[in-house]
Amino acid sequence: MFIDGAQIRAARALLNWSSAETAAKAGIARQTLYRLETYDDRPPSRSATLGELARIFVEGGVEFIDADGEKGPGVRLARPLRE
């Protein structure tokens, strides 16, 4: 799954996850997460890293929305946050 930097930032904000927490859950360095979040086009990373980020966000309750006309891609909560 392709996700961009804006979606990564938005998903993390929806879940109220710190960069350290997100990086730990994905098994990547915080610097890698920062680098991915700062690219709003195709982030310069292997698809496995983006796939892992997408997986942890989906497990956390985020749904990724494909580009729809002029609106572009996005994110939303698919279900209530876990307590």
Protein backbone atom coordinates (compact mmCIF):
# COMPACT_ATOMS: atom_id res chain seq x y z
CA MET A 1 0.00 0.00 0.00
CA PHE A 2 1.28 3.44 -0.87
CA ILE A 3 0.82 6.11 1.77
CA ASP A 4 2.32 9.58 1.70
CA GLY A 5 3.86 11.79 4.35
CA ALA A 6 0.65 13.71 5.00
CA GLN A 7 -1.26 10.48 5.60
CA ILE A 8 1.43 9.24 7.98
CA ARG A 9 1.30 12.49 9.97
CA ALA A 10 -2.50 12.48 10.00
CA ALA A 11 -2.79 8.84 11.05
CA ARG A 12 -0.34 9.37 13.88
CA ALA A 13 -2.27 12.45 15.03
CA LEU A 14 -5.63 10.64 14.91
CA LEU A 15 -4.23 7.91 17.13
CA ASN A 16 -2.39 10.41 19.34
CA TRP A 17 0.83 8.41 18.95
CA SER A 18 4.21 10.04 19.54
CA SER A 19 6.92 9.66 16.95
CA ALA A 20 8.84 7.41 19.35
CA GLU A 21 5.80 5.18 19.91
CA THR A 22 5.01 4.96 16.20
CA ALA A 23 8.59 4.16 15.25
CA ALA A 24 8.79 1.46 17.93
CA LYS A 25 5.52 -0.16 16.80
CA ALA A 26 6.75 -0.18 13.18
CA GLY A 27 10.26 -1.35 14.07
CA ILE A 28 11.96 1.63 12.44
CA ALA A 29 14.17 4.46 13.65
CA ARG A 30 12.58 7.79 14.60
CA GLN A 31 14.76 9.44 11.96
CA THR A 32 13.23 7.17 9.32
CA LEU A 33 9.73 8.10 10.45
CA TYR A 34 10.63 11.78 10.37
CA ARG A 35 12.02 11.42 6.85
CA LEU A 36 8.87 9.66 5.67
CA GLU A 37 6.59 12.25 7.28
CA THR A 38 8.34 15.16 5.58
CA TYR A 39 7.65 13.89 2.05
CA ASP A 40 4.20 14.64 0.68
CA ASP A 41 4.89 12.88 -2.59
CA ARG A 42 6.22 9.33 -2.73
CA PRO A 43 8.38 8.93 0.40
CA PRO A 44 11.91 7.69 -0.33
CA SER A 45 11.64 4.30 1.33
CA ARG A 46 11.12 0.65 0.67
CA SER A 47 7.53 -0.40 0.25
CA ALA A 48 7.97 -2.84 3.16
CA THR A 49 8.47 0.08 5.56
CA LEU A 50 5.41 1.90 4.25
CA GLY A 51 3.45 -1.34 4.40
CA GLU A 52 4.42 -1.86 8.02
CA LEU A 53 3.39 1.69 8.92
CA ALA A 54 0.06 1.19 7.14
CA ARG A 55 -0.45 -2.10 8.98
CA ILE A 56 0.07 -0.65 12.46
CA PHE A 57 -2.17 2.33 11.68
CA VAL A 58 -4.95 0.07 10.38
CA GLU A 59 -4.63 -2.13 13.47
CA GLY A 60 -4.90 1.04 15.56
CA GLY A 61 -8.19 1.95 13.87
CA VAL A 62 -7.21 4.18 10.95
CA GLU A 63 -8.66 3.76 7.47
CA PHE A 64 -6.73 5.10 4.47
CA ILE A 65 -8.74 6.88 1.79
CA ASP A 66 -7.59 6.84 -1.84
CA ALA A 67 -7.35 10.03 -3.88
CA ASP A 68 -10.78 11.22 -4.97
CA GLY A 69 -10.64 13.87 -7.63
CA GLU A 70 -9.17 17.10 -6.30
CA LYS A 71 -9.35 16.06 -2.65
CA GLY A 72 -6.39 13.71 -2.75
CA PRO A 73 -5.69 10.84 -0.35
CA GLY A 74 -6.57 11.00 3.31
CA VAL A 75 -7.24 9.11 6.53
CA ARG A 76 -10.11 8.67 8.95
CA LEU A 77 -10.89 6.64 12.04
CA ALA A 78 -12.49 3.39 11.00
CA ARG A 79 -13.61 2.52 14.51
CA PRO A 80 -13.43 4.03 17.99
CA LEU A 81 -10.01 4.19 19.56
CA ARG A 82 -9.01 1.35 21.84
CA GLU A 83 -8.88 2.23 25.49
